[in-house]
């Protein structure tokens, strides 16, 4: 009986640790390289030609594709908080595509980014707003 009680009490604690590990802050410089955008504000992107972001942390630049148009912008890091990152408004090409919904959501979310957290695996990062809400889920390309 004591063993059952022990396991019942330990289960919530173990689950809590697992969840908190997936939301751990991480160094924004780990964003170096190319990442697909598979989720925007909780909505999965289910289409070919996923939007992507390619971070150049040395130059503090970001370029990629929002789903239709190519974009370029700069990023700002915070020396006092390694997980802090801000993305400046992007300059983008102006092609008209049949569905601009995903691109509009990606660009809006980029403007709200204030930090980065570890994703559900070592090959995934999550961009978050000031309150820690998930904006963009980025698996490594």
N, C-alpha and C. Protein backbone atom coordinates (compact mmCIF):
# COMPACT_ATOMS: atom_id res chain seq x y z
N UNK A 1 0.82 -1.19 0.00
CA UNK A 1 0.00 0.00 0.00
C UNK A 1 0.87 1.26 0.00
N UNK A 2 1.95 1.26 0.79
CA UNK A 2 2.83 2.42 0.83
C UNK A 2 3.46 2.66 -0.54
N UNK A 3 3.77 1.57 -1.23
CA UNK A 3 4.38 1.69 -2.54
C UNK A 3 3.40 2.33 -3.54
N UNK A 4 2.14 1.96 -3.48
CA UNK A 4 1.12 2.53 -4.37
C UNK A 4 0.98 4.03 -4.10
N UNK A 5 0.92 4.41 -2.85
CA UNK A 5 0.81 5.82 -2.49
C UNK A 5 2.04 6.58 -2.98
N UNK A 6 3.21 5.98 -2.82
CA UNK A 6 4.44 6.60 -3.27
C UNK A 6 4.37 6.89 -4.78
N UNK A 7 3.97 5.90 -5.57
CA UNK A 7 3.88 6.08 -7.02
C UNK A 7 2.80 7.09 -7.42
N UNK A 8 1.69 7.09 -6.72
CA UNK A 8 0.62 8.05 -7.01
C UNK A 8 1.10 9.48 -6.73
N UNK A 9 1.88 9.67 -5.69
CA UNK A 9 2.40 10.99 -5.37
C UNK A 9 3.55 11.39 -6.29
N UNK A 10 4.32 10.45 -6.76
CA UNK A 10 5.47 10.74 -7.61
C UNK A 10 5.07 11.05 -9.05
N UNK A 11 3.99 10.47 -9.53
CA UNK A 11 3.58 10.65 -10.92
C UNK A 11 3.39 12.12 -11.31
N UNK A 12 2.64 12.92 -10.56
CA UNK A 12 2.50 14.34 -10.93
C UNK A 12 3.84 15.08 -10.93
N UNK A 13 4.70 14.74 -10.01
CA UNK A 13 5.99 15.40 -9.93
C UNK A 13 6.84 15.06 -11.16
N UNK A 14 6.84 13.82 -11.58
CA UNK A 14 7.61 13.40 -12.75
C UNK A 14 7.05 14.05 -14.01
N UNK A 15 5.74 14.06 -14.13
CA UNK A 15 5.12 14.71 -15.29
C UNK A 15 5.44 16.20 -15.32
N UNK A 16 5.41 16.84 -14.19
CA UNK A 16 5.74 18.26 -14.10
C UNK A 16 7.17 18.54 -14.52
N UNK A 17 8.08 17.68 -14.13
CA UNK A 17 9.48 17.85 -14.53
C UNK A 17 9.63 17.67 -16.03
N UNK A 18 8.91 16.71 -16.61
CA UNK A 18 9.00 16.48 -18.04
C UNK A 18 8.48 17.68 -18.82
N UNK A 19 7.37 18.25 -18.37
CA UNK A 19 6.79 19.41 -19.04
C UNK A 19 7.70 20.62 -18.89
N UNK A 20 8.23 20.84 -17.70
CA UNK A 20 9.09 22.01 -17.49
C UNK A 20 10.38 21.90 -18.28
N UNK A 21 10.89 20.71 -18.50
CA UNK A 21 12.11 20.54 -19.29
C UNK A 21 11.88 20.98 -20.72
N UNK A 22 10.70 20.72 -21.25
CA UNK A 22 10.42 21.10 -22.64
C UNK A 22 10.23 22.60 -22.78
N UNK A 23 10.05 23.31 -21.68
CA UNK A 23 9.86 24.74 -21.75
C UNK A 23 11.03 25.50 -21.14
N UNK A 24 12.19 24.86 -21.09
CA UNK A 24 13.37 25.48 -20.51
C UNK A 24 13.92 26.54 -21.45
N UNK A 25 14.31 27.66 -20.87
CA UNK A 25 14.95 28.70 -21.68
C UNK A 25 16.26 28.13 -22.21
N UNK A 26 16.65 28.61 -23.36
CA UNK A 26 17.89 28.16 -23.97
C UNK A 26 18.59 29.35 -24.62
N UNK A 27 19.84 29.18 -24.95
CA UNK A 27 20.64 30.22 -25.56
C UNK A 27 20.14 30.51 -26.98
N UNK A 28 19.78 31.75 -27.25
CA UNK A 28 19.27 32.13 -28.57
C UNK A 28 20.29 31.87 -29.68
N UNK A 29 21.56 31.83 -29.34
CA UNK A 29 22.59 31.57 -30.36
C UNK A 29 22.50 30.16 -30.93
N UNK A 30 21.76 29.28 -30.25
CA UNK A 30 21.56 27.92 -30.76
C UNK A 30 20.63 27.91 -31.97
N UNK A 31 20.04 29.06 -32.29
CA UNK A 31 19.17 29.17 -33.47
C UNK A 31 19.98 29.22 -34.76
N UNK A 32 21.28 29.29 -34.67
CA UNK A 32 22.14 29.34 -35.86
C UNK A 32 21.73 28.24 -36.84
N UNK A 33 21.52 28.63 -38.10
CA UNK A 33 21.18 27.65 -39.13
C UNK A 33 19.76 27.79 -39.63
N UNK A 34 19.33 26.77 -40.36
CA UNK A 34 18.04 26.80 -41.04
C UNK A 34 17.00 25.96 -40.29
N UNK A 35 15.81 26.54 -40.10
CA UNK A 35 14.71 25.92 -39.36
C UNK A 35 13.43 26.03 -40.16
N UNK A 36 12.65 24.96 -40.19
CA UNK A 36 11.31 25.02 -40.77
C UNK A 36 10.36 25.62 -39.75
N UNK A 37 9.29 26.22 -40.21
CA UNK A 37 8.22 26.71 -39.33
C UNK A 37 7.06 25.74 -39.50
N UNK A 38 6.76 24.97 -38.45
CA UNK A 38 5.71 23.96 -38.56
C UNK A 38 4.45 24.30 -37.78
N UNK A 39 4.55 25.33 -36.95
CA UNK A 39 3.39 25.71 -36.14
C UNK A 39 3.47 27.21 -35.85
N UNK A 40 2.32 27.88 -35.96
CA UNK A 40 2.21 29.31 -35.66
C UNK A 40 1.08 29.49 -34.67
N UNK A 41 1.41 29.99 -33.47
CA UNK A 41 0.43 30.25 -32.41
C UNK A 41 -0.52 29.08 -32.20
N UNK A 42 0.03 27.88 -32.12
CA UNK A 42 -0.76 26.69 -31.81
C UNK A 42 -1.40 26.01 -33.00
N UNK A 43 -1.29 26.60 -34.19
CA UNK A 43 -1.89 25.99 -35.37
C UNK A 43 -0.80 25.37 -36.24
N UNK A 44 -0.94 24.06 -36.50
CA UNK A 44 0.02 23.34 -37.34
C UNK A 44 -0.09 23.81 -38.78
N UNK A 45 1.04 23.85 -39.44
CA UNK A 45 1.07 24.18 -40.87
C UNK A 45 1.16 22.87 -41.62
N UNK A 46 0.14 22.57 -42.38
CA UNK A 46 0.08 21.30 -43.12
C UNK A 46 0.05 21.60 -44.61
N UNK A 47 1.22 21.86 -45.15
CA UNK A 47 1.30 22.11 -46.59
C UNK A 47 2.73 21.90 -47.04
N UNK A 48 2.87 21.72 -48.34
CA UNK A 48 4.21 21.60 -48.91
C UNK A 48 4.85 22.98 -48.93
N UNK A 49 6.17 22.99 -48.99
CA UNK A 49 6.88 24.27 -49.04
C UNK A 49 6.71 25.05 -47.76
N UNK A 50 7.01 24.42 -46.63
CA UNK A 50 6.87 25.08 -45.34
C UNK A 50 7.65 26.39 -45.29
N UNK A 51 7.13 27.36 -44.56
CA UNK A 51 7.93 28.55 -44.30
C UNK A 51 9.21 28.11 -43.57
N UNK A 52 10.26 28.88 -43.73
CA UNK A 52 11.49 28.57 -43.01
C UNK A 52 12.20 29.85 -42.61
N UNK A 53 13.10 29.69 -41.63
CA UNK A 53 13.91 30.80 -41.15
C UNK A 53 15.35 30.33 -41.09
N UNK A 54 16.24 31.19 -41.55
CA UNK A 54 17.66 30.87 -41.48
C UNK A 54 18.37 31.99 -40.71
N UNK A 55 18.86 31.62 -39.53
CA UNK A 55 19.50 32.58 -38.63
C UNK A 55 21.01 32.60 -38.85
N UNK A 56 21.57 33.80 -38.97
CA UNK A 56 23.01 34.01 -38.99
C UNK A 56 23.32 34.79 -37.72
N UNK A 57 23.68 34.06 -36.67
CA UNK A 57 23.83 34.70 -35.36
C UNK A 57 25.06 35.61 -35.30
N UNK A 58 26.11 35.30 -36.05
CA UNK A 58 27.31 36.15 -36.05
C UNK A 58 26.99 37.53 -36.64
N UNK A 59 26.21 37.55 -37.71
CA UNK A 59 25.84 38.82 -38.36
C UNK A 59 24.55 39.41 -37.79
N UNK A 60 23.89 38.65 -36.92
CA UNK A 60 22.60 39.06 -36.33
C UNK A 60 21.57 39.36 -37.42
N UNK A 61 21.48 38.40 -38.36
CA UNK A 61 20.55 38.52 -39.47
C UNK A 61 19.65 37.28 -39.55
N UNK A 62 18.49 37.49 -40.14
CA UNK A 62 17.52 36.42 -40.33
C UNK A 62 16.94 36.58 -41.73
N UNK A 63 16.93 35.49 -42.46
CA UNK A 63 16.23 35.51 -43.74
C UNK A 63 15.49 34.20 -43.90
N UNK A 64 14.57 34.18 -44.84
CA UNK A 64 13.80 32.96 -45.04
C UNK A 64 12.63 33.18 -45.97
N UNK A 65 11.62 32.34 -45.77
CA UNK A 65 10.42 32.38 -46.58
C UNK A 65 9.22 32.28 -45.65
N UNK A 66 8.28 33.20 -45.77
CA UNK A 66 7.12 33.22 -44.89
C UNK A 66 5.98 32.32 -45.35
N UNK A 67 6.18 31.61 -46.44
CA UNK A 67 5.13 30.76 -46.98
C UNK A 67 4.85 31.11 -48.43
N UNK A 68 5.20 32.32 -48.80
CA UNK A 68 5.03 32.80 -50.17
C UNK A 68 6.22 33.66 -50.56
N UNK A 69 6.51 34.66 -49.75
CA UNK A 69 7.55 35.63 -50.05
C UNK A 69 8.82 35.41 -49.25
N UNK A 70 9.94 35.74 -49.88
CA UNK A 70 11.23 35.74 -49.19
C UNK A 70 11.31 36.98 -48.31
N UNK A 71 12.04 36.87 -47.18
CA UNK A 71 12.19 38.03 -46.30
C UNK A 71 13.62 38.11 -45.76
N UNK A 72 13.99 39.30 -45.35
CA UNK A 72 15.26 39.58 -44.69
C UNK A 72 14.99 40.53 -43.55
N UNK A 73 15.71 40.32 -42.45
CA UNK A 73 15.57 41.22 -41.31
C UNK A 73 16.79 41.07 -40.41
N UNK A 74 16.78 41.81 -39.34
CA UNK A 74 17.86 41.71 -38.35
C UNK A 74 17.27 41.23 -37.03
N UNK A 75 18.15 40.73 -36.19
CA UNK A 75 17.74 40.28 -34.86
C UNK A 75 18.57 41.01 -33.81
N UNK A 76 18.01 41.11 -32.62
CA UNK A 76 18.71 41.73 -31.51
C UNK A 76 18.76 40.72 -30.37
N UNK A 77 19.96 40.55 -29.81
CA UNK A 77 20.16 39.66 -28.66
C UNK A 77 20.41 40.52 -27.43
N UNK A 78 20.20 39.94 -26.26
CA UNK A 78 20.36 40.65 -25.00
C UNK A 78 21.53 40.01 -24.24
N UNK A 79 22.57 40.79 -23.95
CA UNK A 79 23.73 40.26 -23.24
C UNK A 79 23.39 39.80 -21.82
N UNK A 80 22.32 40.34 -21.24
CA UNK A 80 21.94 39.99 -19.87
C UNK A 80 21.03 38.77 -19.79
N UNK A 81 20.41 38.38 -20.90
CA UNK A 81 19.50 37.23 -20.93
C UNK A 81 19.75 36.48 -22.23
N UNK A 82 20.49 35.36 -22.14
CA UNK A 82 20.89 34.63 -23.35
C UNK A 82 19.71 34.08 -24.13
N UNK A 83 18.55 33.96 -23.51
CA UNK A 83 17.38 33.42 -24.22
C UNK A 83 16.57 34.50 -24.91
N UNK A 84 16.92 35.77 -24.69
CA UNK A 84 16.15 36.88 -25.25
C UNK A 84 16.55 37.13 -26.70
N UNK A 85 15.56 37.31 -27.55
CA UNK A 85 15.78 37.64 -28.96
C UNK A 85 14.60 38.47 -29.44
N UNK A 86 14.90 39.47 -30.24
CA UNK A 86 13.87 40.31 -30.84
C UNK A 86 14.12 40.31 -32.35
N UNK A 87 13.05 40.19 -33.12
CA UNK A 87 13.15 40.19 -34.57
C UNK A 87 12.58 41.50 -35.09
N UNK A 88 13.39 42.23 -35.84
CA UNK A 88 12.95 43.51 -36.41
C UNK A 88 11.93 43.26 -37.52
N UNK A 89 11.13 44.28 -37.87
CA UNK A 89 10.20 44.12 -38.99
C UNK A 89 10.98 43.72 -40.25
N UNK A 90 10.40 42.79 -41.00
CA UNK A 90 11.09 42.22 -42.15
C UNK A 90 10.80 42.98 -43.43
N UNK A 91 11.80 43.01 -44.31
CA UNK A 91 11.61 43.46 -45.68
C UNK A 91 11.34 42.20 -46.50
N UNK A 92 10.27 42.20 -47.26
CA UNK A 92 9.88 40.99 -47.98
C UNK A 92 9.56 41.30 -49.44
N UNK A 93 9.71 40.27 -50.28
CA UNK A 93 9.26 40.41 -51.66
C UNK A 93 7.74 40.58 -51.63
N UNK A 94 7.15 40.93 -52.72
CA UNK A 94 5.72 41.25 -52.70
C UNK A 94 4.92 40.43 -53.71
N UNK A 95 5.19 39.14 -53.78
CA UNK A 95 4.42 38.28 -54.67
C UNK A 95 3.03 38.07 -54.07
N UNK A 96 2.05 37.98 -54.91
CA UNK A 96 0.69 37.66 -54.47
C UNK A 96 0.49 36.16 -54.65
N UNK A 97 0.13 35.51 -53.58
CA UNK A 97 -0.11 34.07 -53.61
C UNK A 97 -1.58 33.81 -53.33
N UNK A 98 -2.09 32.65 -53.74
CA UNK A 98 -3.51 32.35 -53.54
C UNK A 98 -3.95 32.42 -52.08
N UNK A 99 -3.08 32.00 -51.17
CA UNK A 99 -3.45 32.01 -49.75
C UNK A 99 -2.32 32.64 -48.94
N UNK A 100 -2.56 33.81 -48.42
CA UNK A 100 -1.56 34.54 -47.65
C UNK A 100 -1.75 34.38 -46.15
N UNK A 101 -2.67 33.52 -45.74
CA UNK A 101 -3.01 33.36 -44.32
C UNK A 101 -1.80 32.95 -43.49
N UNK A 102 -1.09 31.92 -43.95
CA UNK A 102 0.06 31.41 -43.19
C UNK A 102 1.14 32.48 -43.11
N UNK A 103 1.45 33.08 -44.24
CA UNK A 103 2.51 34.10 -44.25
C UNK A 103 2.16 35.26 -43.33
N UNK A 104 0.94 35.73 -43.39
CA UNK A 104 0.53 36.83 -42.51
C UNK A 104 0.71 36.45 -41.04
N UNK A 105 0.34 35.23 -40.68
CA UNK A 105 0.47 34.76 -39.30
C UNK A 105 1.94 34.65 -38.90
N UNK A 106 2.79 34.16 -39.81
CA UNK A 106 4.23 34.04 -39.52
C UNK A 106 4.83 35.41 -39.27
N UNK A 107 4.56 36.37 -40.17
CA UNK A 107 5.13 37.71 -40.02
C UNK A 107 4.62 38.40 -38.75
N UNK A 108 3.35 38.23 -38.44
CA UNK A 108 2.80 38.82 -37.19
C UNK A 108 3.48 38.21 -35.98
N UNK A 109 3.63 36.88 -35.97
CA UNK A 109 4.27 36.20 -34.85
C UNK A 109 5.73 36.63 -34.70
N UNK A 110 6.43 36.80 -35.82
CA UNK A 110 7.83 37.23 -35.76
C UNK A 110 7.96 38.56 -35.02
N UNK A 111 7.02 39.45 -35.22
CA UNK A 111 7.06 40.75 -34.56
C UNK A 111 6.84 40.69 -33.06
N UNK A 112 6.25 39.59 -32.58
CA UNK A 112 5.98 39.44 -31.16
C UNK A 112 7.04 38.63 -30.41
N UNK A 113 8.02 38.10 -31.12
CA UNK A 113 9.04 37.24 -30.51
C UNK A 113 9.90 38.02 -29.52
N UNK A 114 10.07 37.44 -28.31
CA UNK A 114 10.92 38.05 -27.29
C UNK A 114 11.91 37.05 -26.69
N UNK A 115 11.75 35.76 -27.00
CA UNK A 115 12.66 34.78 -26.42
C UNK A 115 12.59 33.45 -27.12
N UNK A 116 13.48 32.56 -26.70
CA UNK A 116 13.56 31.22 -27.28
C UNK A 116 13.62 30.19 -26.15
N UNK A 117 12.93 29.08 -26.37
CA UNK A 117 12.94 27.97 -25.42
C UNK A 117 13.27 26.70 -26.18
N UNK A 118 13.73 25.70 -25.45
CA UNK A 118 13.99 24.40 -26.05
C UNK A 118 12.67 23.78 -26.44
N UNK A 119 12.67 23.04 -27.54
CA UNK A 119 11.48 22.36 -28.00
C UNK A 119 11.35 20.99 -27.38
N UNK A 120 10.56 20.14 -28.01
CA UNK A 120 10.30 18.81 -27.49
C UNK A 120 11.42 17.83 -27.79
N UNK A 121 12.38 18.23 -28.63
CA UNK A 121 13.56 17.40 -28.90
C UNK A 121 14.76 18.32 -29.07
N UNK A 122 15.93 17.73 -29.20
CA UNK A 122 17.13 18.56 -29.35
C UNK A 122 17.18 19.27 -30.70
N UNK A 123 16.37 18.82 -31.65
CA UNK A 123 16.32 19.43 -32.98
C UNK A 123 15.11 20.35 -33.16
N UNK A 124 14.59 20.87 -32.05
CA UNK A 124 13.42 21.75 -32.13
C UNK A 124 13.60 22.92 -31.17
N UNK A 125 13.26 24.11 -31.65
CA UNK A 125 13.28 25.32 -30.82
C UNK A 125 11.90 25.96 -30.89
N UNK A 126 11.59 26.75 -29.89
CA UNK A 126 10.29 27.41 -29.80
C UNK A 126 10.53 28.89 -29.55
N UNK A 127 9.96 29.72 -30.41
CA UNK A 127 10.03 31.17 -30.21
C UNK A 127 8.79 31.60 -29.45
N UNK A 128 8.99 32.44 -28.41
CA UNK A 128 7.91 32.80 -27.50
C UNK A 128 7.78 34.32 -27.38
N UNK A 129 6.61 34.75 -26.89
CA UNK A 129 6.40 36.17 -26.64
C UNK A 129 6.88 36.53 -25.24
N UNK A 130 6.63 37.76 -24.82
CA UNK A 130 7.10 38.25 -23.51
C UNK A 130 6.57 37.41 -22.35
N UNK A 131 5.34 36.89 -22.48
CA UNK A 131 4.73 36.10 -21.41
C UNK A 131 5.11 34.61 -21.48
N UNK A 132 5.90 34.23 -22.48
CA UNK A 132 6.29 32.83 -22.62
C UNK A 132 5.34 32.01 -23.47
N UNK A 133 4.36 32.64 -24.09
CA UNK A 133 3.41 31.93 -24.96
C UNK A 133 4.11 31.53 -26.26
N UNK A 134 3.86 30.30 -26.71
CA UNK A 134 4.50 29.80 -27.92
C UNK A 134 3.95 30.52 -29.15
N UNK A 135 4.85 31.07 -29.94
CA UNK A 135 4.48 31.74 -31.18
C UNK A 135 4.82 30.89 -32.39
N UNK A 136 6.05 30.37 -32.44
CA UNK A 136 6.53 29.61 -33.59
C UNK A 136 7.28 28.37 -33.12
N UNK A 137 6.97 27.24 -33.72
CA UNK A 137 7.69 25.99 -33.44
C UNK A 137 8.60 25.73 -34.64
N UNK A 138 9.89 25.56 -34.35
CA UNK A 138 10.91 25.44 -35.40
C UNK A 138 11.71 24.16 -35.28
N UNK A 139 11.41 23.13 -36.08
CA UNK A 139 12.30 21.97 -36.13
C UNK A 139 13.48 22.27 -37.07
N UNK A 140 14.64 21.73 -36.73
CA UNK A 140 15.86 21.95 -37.54
C UNK A 140 15.65 21.39 -38.93
N UNK A 141 16.05 22.16 -39.93
CA UNK A 141 15.93 21.73 -41.33
C UNK A 141 17.13 20.88 -41.70
